[in-house]
PDB file of all heavy atoms in Angstrom:
ATOM      1  N   VAL A   1      -4.123   8.687   4.803  1.00  0.00           N
ATOM      2  CA  VAL A   1      -2.724   8.559   5.191  1.00  0.00           C
ATOM      3  C   VAL A   1      -2.606   8.697   6.712  1.00  0.00           C
ATOM      4  O   VAL A   1      -2.984   9.743   7.260  1.00  0.00           O
ATOM      5  CB  VAL A   1      -1.862   9.641   4.509  1.00  0.00           C
ATOM      6  CG1 VAL A   1      -0.403   9.527   4.948  1.00  0.00           C
ATOM      7  CG2 VAL A   1      -1.995   9.554   2.996  1.00  0.00           C
ATOM      8  N   PRO A   2      -2.116   7.693   7.419  1.00  0.00           N
ATOM      9  CA  PRO A   2      -1.909   7.838   8.865  1.00  0.00           C
ATOM     10  C   PRO A   2      -0.923   8.961   9.153  1.00  0.00           C
ATOM     11  O   PRO A   2       0.077   9.126   8.442  1.00  0.00           O
ATOM     12  CB  PRO A   2      -1.339   6.477   9.281  1.00  0.00           C
ATOM     13  CG  PRO A   2      -1.764   5.534   8.192  1.00  0.00           C
ATOM     14  CD  PRO A   2      -1.758   6.345   6.928  1.00  0.00           C
ATOM     15  N   CYS A   3      -1.196   9.731  10.197  1.00  0.00           N
ATOM     16  CA  CYS A   3      -0.333  10.867  10.523  1.00  0.00           C
ATOM     17  C   CYS A   3      -0.439  11.195  11.998  1.00  0.00           C
ATOM     18  O   CYS A   3      -1.272  10.654  12.730  1.00  0.00           O
ATOM     19  CB  CYS A   3      -0.715  12.085   9.674  1.00  0.00           C
ATOM     20  SG  CYS A   3      -2.358  12.760  10.066  1.00  0.00           S
ATOM     21  N   VAL A   4       0.422  12.127  12.421  1.00  0.00           N
ATOM     22  CA  VAL A   4       0.383  12.667  13.777  1.00  0.00           C
ATOM     23  C   VAL A   4       0.236  14.182  13.667  1.00  0.00           C
ATOM     24  O   VAL A   4       1.017  14.835  12.963  1.00  0.00           O
ATOM     25  CB  VAL A   4       1.656  12.315  14.573  1.00  0.00           C
ATOM     26  CG1 VAL A   4       1.631  12.986  15.943  1.00  0.00           C
ATOM     27  CG2 VAL A   4       1.796  10.802  14.717  1.00  0.00           C
ATOM     28  N   LEU A   5      -0.767  14.746  14.345  1.00  0.00           N
ATOM     29  CA  LEU A   5      -0.962  16.187  14.375  1.00  0.00           C
ATOM     30  C   LEU A   5      -0.285  16.776  15.602  1.00  0.00           C
ATOM     31  O   LEU A   5      -0.354  16.203  16.693  1.00  0.00           O
ATOM     32  CB  LEU A   5      -2.449  16.542  14.416  1.00  0.00           C
ATOM     33  CG  LEU A   5      -3.350  16.048  13.288  1.00  0.00           C
ATOM     34  CD1 LEU A   5      -4.753  16.620  13.453  1.00  0.00           C
ATOM     35  CD2 LEU A   5      -2.771  16.404  11.938  1.00  0.00           C
ATOM     36  N   THR A   6       0.375  17.905  15.430  1.00  0.00           N
ATOM     37  CA  THR A   6       0.934  18.671  16.540  1.00  0.00           C
ATOM     38  C   THR A   6       0.277  20.041  16.529  1.00  0.00           C
ATOM     39  O   THR A   6       0.398  20.781  15.550  1.00  0.00           O
ATOM     40  CB  THR A   6       2.459  18.829  16.412  1.00  0.00           C
ATOM     41  OG1 THR A   6       3.072  17.536  16.344  1.00  0.00           O
ATOM     42  CG2 THR A   6       3.030  19.591  17.600  1.00  0.00           C
ATOM     43  N   LEU A   7      -0.435  20.371  17.586  1.00  0.00           N
ATOM     44  CA  LEU A   7      -1.208  21.610  17.648  1.00  0.00           C
ATOM     45  C   LEU A   7      -0.331  22.765  18.098  1.00  0.00           C
ATOM     46  O   LEU A   7       0.353  22.697  19.122  1.00  0.00           O
ATOM     47  CB  LEU A   7      -2.386  21.443  18.611  1.00  0.00           C
ATOM     48  CG  LEU A   7      -3.345  22.625  18.746  1.00  0.00           C
ATOM     49  CD1 LEU A   7      -4.050  22.903  17.422  1.00  0.00           C
ATOM     50  CD2 LEU A   7      -4.364  22.361  19.851  1.00  0.00           C
ATOM     51  N   ASN A   8      -0.356  23.854  17.331  1.00  0.00           N
ATOM     52  CA  ASN A   8       0.380  25.066  17.679  1.00  0.00           C
ATOM     53  C   ASN A   8      -0.526  26.043  18.424  1.00  0.00           C
ATOM     54  O   ASN A   8      -1.755  25.937  18.389  1.00  0.00           O
ATOM     55  CB  ASN A   8       0.936  25.727  16.409  1.00  0.00           C
ATOM     56  CG  ASN A   8       1.907  24.828  15.677  1.00  0.00           C
ATOM     57  OD1 ASN A   8       2.849  24.294  16.254  1.00  0.00           O
ATOM     58  ND2 ASN A   8       1.659  24.632  14.382  1.00  0.00           N
ATOM     59  N   GLN A   9       0.075  27.008  19.072  1.00  0.00           N
ATOM     60  CA  GLN A   9      -0.664  27.953  19.893  1.00  0.00           C
ATOM     61  C   GLN A   9      -1.669  28.768  19.085  1.00  0.00           C
ATOM     62  O   GLN A   9      -2.730  29.147  19.583  1.00  0.00           O
ATOM     63  CB  GLN A   9       0.310  28.893  20.611  1.00  0.00           C
ATOM     64  CG  GLN A   9      -0.359  29.829  21.611  1.00  0.00           C
ATOM     65  CD  GLN A   9       0.666  30.655  22.361  1.00  0.00           C
ATOM     66  OE1 GLN A   9       1.857  30.580  22.079  1.00  0.00           O
ATOM     67  NE2 GLN A   9       0.210  31.443  23.313  1.00  0.00           N
ATOM     68  N   ASP A  10      -1.342  29.024  17.821  1.00  0.00           N
ATOM     69  CA  ASP A  10      -2.212  29.856  16.983  1.00  0.00           C
ATOM     70  C   ASP A  10      -3.304  29.066  16.269  1.00  0.00           C
ATOM     71  O   ASP A  10      -4.017  29.606  15.421  1.00  0.00           O
ATOM     72  CB  ASP A  10      -1.382  30.625  15.958  1.00  0.00           C
ATOM     73  CG  ASP A  10      -0.568  29.705  15.050  1.00  0.00           C
ATOM     74  OD1 ASP A  10      -0.660  28.478  15.220  1.00  0.00           O
ATOM     75  OD2 ASP A  10       0.176  30.219  14.196  1.00  0.00           O
ATOM     76  N   GLY A  11      -3.451  27.786  16.599  1.00  0.00           N
ATOM     77  CA  GLY A  11      -4.505  26.981  15.988  1.00  0.00           C
ATOM     78  C   GLY A  11      -4.087  26.269  14.721  1.00  0.00           C
ATOM     79  O   GLY A  11      -4.851  25.481  14.166  1.00  0.00           O
ATOM     80  N   THR A  12      -2.875  26.550  14.231  1.00  0.00           N
ATOM     81  CA  THR A  12      -2.352  25.810  13.090  1.00  0.00           C
ATOM     82  C   THR A  12      -1.857  24.455  13.566  1.00  0.00           C
ATOM     83  O   THR A  12      -1.694  24.223  14.769  1.00  0.00           O
ATOM     84  CB  THR A  12      -1.201  26.574  12.412  1.00  0.00           C
ATOM     85  OG1 THR A  12      -0.086  26.636  13.330  1.00  0.00           O
ATOM     86  CG2 THR A  12      -1.622  27.990  12.048  1.00  0.00           C
ATOM     87  N   VAL A  13      -1.613  23.543  12.645  1.00  0.00           N
ATOM     88  CA  VAL A  13      -1.084  22.237  13.029  1.00  0.00           C
ATOM     89  C   VAL A  13       0.064  21.839  12.117  1.00  0.00           C
ATOM     90  O   VAL A  13       0.088  22.199  10.936  1.00  0.00           O
ATOM     91  CB  VAL A  13      -2.163  21.123  12.990  1.00  0.00           C
ATOM     92  CG1 VAL A  13      -3.272  21.380  13.984  1.00  0.00           C
ATOM     93  CG2 VAL A  13      -2.717  20.937  11.585  1.00  0.00           C
ATOM     94  N   TRP A  14       1.002  21.126  12.679  1.00  0.00           N
ATOM     95  CA  TRP A  14       2.003  20.402  11.904  1.00  0.00           C
ATOM     96  C   TRP A  14       1.468  18.998  11.687  1.00  0.00           C
ATOM     97  O   TRP A  14       0.921  18.391  12.599  1.00  0.00           O
ATOM     98  CB  TRP A  14       3.345  20.336  12.628  1.00  0.00           C
ATOM     99  CG  TRP A  14       4.155  21.592  12.516  1.00  0.00           C
ATOM    100  CD1 TRP A  14       4.245  22.589  13.439  1.00  0.00           C
ATOM    101  CD2 TRP A  14       4.987  21.976  11.417  1.00  0.00           C
ATOM    102  NE1 TRP A  14       5.076  23.582  12.988  1.00  0.00           N
ATOM    103  CE2 TRP A  14       5.546  23.235  11.749  1.00  0.00           C
ATOM    104  CE3 TRP A  14       5.303  21.398  10.188  1.00  0.00           C
ATOM    105  CZ2 TRP A  14       6.415  23.913  10.894  1.00  0.00           C
ATOM    106  CZ3 TRP A  14       6.162  22.064   9.331  1.00  0.00           C
ATOM    107  CH2 TRP A  14       6.717  23.302   9.685  1.00  0.00           C
ATOM    108  N   VAL A  15       1.604  18.505  10.482  1.00  0.00           N
ATOM    109  CA  VAL A  15       1.142  17.160  10.127  1.00  0.00           C
ATOM    110  C   VAL A  15       2.366  16.336   9.734  1.00  0.00           C
ATOM    111  O   VAL A  15       3.065  16.675   8.778  1.00  0.00           O
ATOM    112  CB  VAL A  15       0.144  17.191   8.958  1.00  0.00           C
ATOM    113  CG1 VAL A  15      -0.363  15.781   8.669  1.00  0.00           C
ATOM    114  CG2 VAL A  15      -1.010  18.143   9.261  1.00  0.00           C
ATOM    115  N   THR A  16       2.621  15.285  10.479  1.00  0.00           N
ATOM    116  CA  THR A  16       3.724  14.382  10.175  1.00  0.00           C
ATOM    117  C   THR A  16       3.151  13.057   9.698  1.00  0.00           C
ATOM    118  O   THR A  16       2.520  12.327  10.471  1.00  0.00           O
ATOM    119  CB  THR A  16       4.612  14.147  11.411  1.00  0.00           C
ATOM    120  OG1 THR A  16       5.065  15.402  11.922  1.00  0.00           O
ATOM    121  CG2 THR A  16       5.816  13.278  11.048  1.00  0.00           C
ATOM    122  N   ALA A  17       3.336  12.768   8.415  1.00  0.00           N
ATOM    123  CA  ALA A  17       2.808  11.529   7.839  1.00  0.00           C
ATOM    124  C   ALA A  17       3.690  10.348   8.258  1.00  0.00           C
ATOM    125  O   ALA A  17       4.921  10.481   8.346  1.00  0.00           O
ATOM    126  CB  ALA A  17       2.749  11.636   6.322  1.00  0.00           C
ATOM    127  N   VAL A  18       3.056   9.231   8.530  1.00  0.00           N
ATOM    128  CA  VAL A  18       3.810   8.033   8.899  1.00  0.00           C
ATOM    129  C   VAL A  18       4.712   7.607   7.749  1.00  0.00           C
ATOM    130  O   VAL A  18       5.828   7.136   7.955  1.00  0.00           O
ATOM    131  CB  VAL A  18       2.843   6.903   9.288  1.00  0.00           C
ATOM    132  CG1 VAL A  18       3.595   5.593   9.488  1.00  0.00           C
ATOM    133  CG2 VAL A  18       2.080   7.277  10.548  1.00  0.00           C
ATOM    134  N   LYS A  19       4.243   7.818   6.522  1.00  0.00           N
ATOM    135  CA  LYS A  19       5.014   7.495   5.327  1.00  0.00           C
ATOM    136  C   LYS A  19       4.934   8.675   4.371  1.00  0.00           C
ATOM    137  O   LYS A  19       3.882   9.293   4.214  1.00  0.00           O
ATOM    138  CB  LYS A  19       4.454   6.230   4.660  1.00  0.00           C
ATOM    139  CG  LYS A  19       5.234   5.757   3.449  1.00  0.00           C
ATOM    140  CD  LYS A  19       4.632   4.478   2.886  1.00  0.00           C
ATOM    141  CE  LYS A  19       5.398   3.977   1.670  1.00  0.00           C
ATOM    142  NZ  LYS A  19       4.796   2.729   1.115  1.00  0.00           N
ATOM    143  N   ALA A  20       6.055   9.005   3.731  1.00  0.00           N
ATOM    144  CA  ALA A  20       6.080  10.140   2.801  1.00  0.00           C
ATOM    145  C   ALA A  20       5.042   9.956   1.702  1.00  0.00           C
ATOM    146  O   ALA A  20       4.825   8.854   1.198  1.00  0.00           O
ATOM    147  CB  ALA A  20       7.475  10.296   2.198  1.00  0.00           C
ATOM    148  N   VAL A  21       4.371  11.067   1.344  1.00  0.00           N
ATOM    149  CA  VAL A  21       3.325  11.029   0.327  1.00  0.00           C
ATOM    150  C   VAL A  21       3.744  11.870  -0.876  1.00  0.00           C
ATOM    151  O   VAL A  21       4.545  12.804  -0.760  1.00  0.00           O
ATOM    152  CB  VAL A  21       1.985  11.529   0.890  1.00  0.00           C
ATOM    153  CG1 VAL A  21       1.445  10.563   1.912  1.00  0.00           C
ATOM    154  CG2 VAL A  21       2.138  12.915   1.500  1.00  0.00           C
ATOM    155  N   ARG A  22       3.174  11.539  -2.016  1.00  0.00           N
ATOM    156  CA  ARG A  22       3.568  12.171  -3.276  1.00  0.00           C
ATOM    157  C   ARG A  22       2.783  13.446  -3.559  1.00  0.00           C
ATOM    158  O   ARG A  22       1.580  13.516  -3.358  1.00  0.00           O
ATOM    159  CB  ARG A  22       3.359  11.189  -4.439  1.00  0.00           C
ATOM    160  CG  ARG A  22       3.836  11.711  -5.785  1.00  0.00           C
ATOM    161  CD  ARG A  22       3.526  10.718  -6.901  1.00  0.00           C
ATOM    162  NE  ARG A  22       4.075  11.171  -8.193  1.00  0.00           N
ATOM    163  CZ  ARG A  22       3.463  12.035  -8.994  1.00  0.00           C
ATOM    164  NH1 ARG A  22       2.276  12.529  -8.652  1.00  0.00           N
ATOM    165  NH2 ARG A  22       4.023  12.402 -10.140  1.00  0.00           N
ATOM    166  N   ALA A  23       3.498  14.455  -4.026  1.00  0.00           N
ATOM    167  CA  ALA A  23       2.917  15.664  -4.625  1.00  0.00           C
ATOM    168  C   ALA A  23       2.080  16.500  -3.670  1.00  0.00           C
ATOM    169  O   ALA A  23       1.041  17.036  -4.046  1.00  0.00           O
ATOM    170  CB  ALA A  23       2.117  15.305  -5.872  1.00  0.00           C
ATOM    171  N   LEU A  24       2.512  16.639  -2.435  1.00  0.00           N
ATOM    172  CA  LEU A  24       1.932  17.661  -1.571  1.00  0.00           C
ATOM    173  C   LEU A  24       2.209  19.022  -2.190  1.00  0.00           C
ATOM    174  O   LEU A  24       3.288  19.265  -2.722  1.00  0.00           O
ATOM    175  CB  LEU A  24       2.548  17.597  -0.180  1.00  0.00           C
ATOM    176  CG  LEU A  24       2.093  16.480   0.761  1.00  0.00           C
ATOM    177  CD1 LEU A  24       3.023  16.400   1.958  1.00  0.00           C
ATOM    178  CD2 LEU A  24       0.655  16.704   1.203  1.00  0.00           C
ATOM    179  N   ALA A  25       1.245  19.919  -2.118  1.00  0.00           N
ATOM    180  CA  ALA A  25       1.436  21.236  -2.723  1.00  0.00           C
ATOM    181  C   ALA A  25       0.836  22.318  -1.847  1.00  0.00           C
ATOM    182  O   ALA A  25      -0.188  22.107  -1.187  1.00  0.00           O
ATOM    183  CB  ALA A  25       0.806  21.284  -4.123  1.00  0.00           C
ATOM    184  N   LEU A  26       1.471  23.472  -1.833  1.00  0.00           N
ATOM    185  CA  LEU A  26       0.939  24.614  -1.116  1.00  0.00           C
ATOM    186  C   LEU A  26      -0.433  24.977  -1.678  1.00  0.00           C
ATOM    187  O   LEU A  26      -0.652  24.961  -2.885  1.00  0.00           O
ATOM    188  CB  LEU A  26       1.884  25.808  -1.259  1.00  0.00           C
ATOM    189  CG  LEU A  26       3.312  25.619  -0.731  1.00  0.00           C
ATOM    190  CD1 LEU A  26       4.146  26.850  -1.030  1.00  0.00           C
ATOM    191  CD2 LEU A  26       3.301  25.322   0.755  1.00  0.00           C
ATOM    192  N   GLY A  27      -1.349  25.299  -0.785  1.00  0.00           N
ATOM    193  CA  GLY A  27      -2.681  25.707  -1.213  1.00  0.00           C
ATOM    194  C   GLY A  27      -3.692  24.591  -1.235  1.00  0.00           C
ATOM    195  O   GLY A  27      -4.899  24.847  -1.254  1.00  0.00           O
ATOM    196  N   GLN A  28      -3.232  23.342  -1.237  1.00  0.00           N
ATOM    197  CA  GLN A  28      -4.165  22.239  -1.110  1.00  0.00           C
ATOM    198  C   GLN A  28      -4.727  22.227   0.310  1.00  0.00           C
ATOM    199  O   GLN A  28      -4.160  22.828   1.220  1.00  0.00           O
ATOM    200  CB  GLN A  28      -3.481  20.907  -1.412  1.00  0.00           C
ATOM    201  CG  GLN A  28      -3.092  20.726  -2.869  1.00  0.00           C
ATOM    202  CD  GLN A  28      -2.281  19.460  -3.087  1.00  0.00           C
ATOM    203  OE1 GLN A  28      -1.418  19.121  -2.280  1.00  0.00           O
ATOM    204  NE2 GLN A  28      -2.531  18.770  -4.185  1.00  0.00           N
ATOM    205  N   PHE A  29      -5.829  21.527   0.501  1.00  0.00           N
ATOM    206  CA  PHE A  29      -6.426  21.421   1.825  1.00  0.00           C
ATOM    207  C   PHE A  29      -6.197  20.025   2.379  1.00  0.00           C
ATOM    208  O   PHE A  29      -6.562  19.033   1.739  1.00  0.00           O
ATOM    209  CB  PHE A  29      -7.920  21.738   1.777  1.00  0.00           C
ATOM    210  CG  PHE A  29      -8.202  23.206   1.715  1.00  0.00           C
ATOM    211  CD1 PHE A  29      -8.093  23.893   0.517  1.00  0.00           C
ATOM    212  CD2 PHE A  29      -8.535  23.911   2.860  1.00  0.00           C
ATOM    213  CE1 PHE A  29      -8.326  25.252   0.450  1.00  0.00           C
ATOM    214  CE2 PHE A  29      -8.773  25.274   2.802  1.00  0.00           C
ATOM    215  CZ  PHE A  29      -8.671  25.954   1.598  1.00  0.00           C
ATOM    216  N   ALA A  30      -5.582  19.964   3.549  1.00  0.00           N
ATOM    217  CA  ALA A  30      -5.419  18.699   4.253  1.00  0.00           C
ATOM    218  C   ALA A  30      -6.701  18.468   5.057  1.00  0.00           C
ATOM    219  O   ALA A  30      -7.080  19.292   5.892  1.00  0.00           O
ATOM    220  CB  ALA A  30      -4.210  18.744   5.175  1.00  0.00           C
TER     221      ALA A  30
END
């Protein structure tokens, strides 16, 4: 899935998908 990563100061990232994806769930690994 094409996406854009935004890096946070603590090393976490926000992931913005170009197109909405089905059934994202907490605890899965991106």
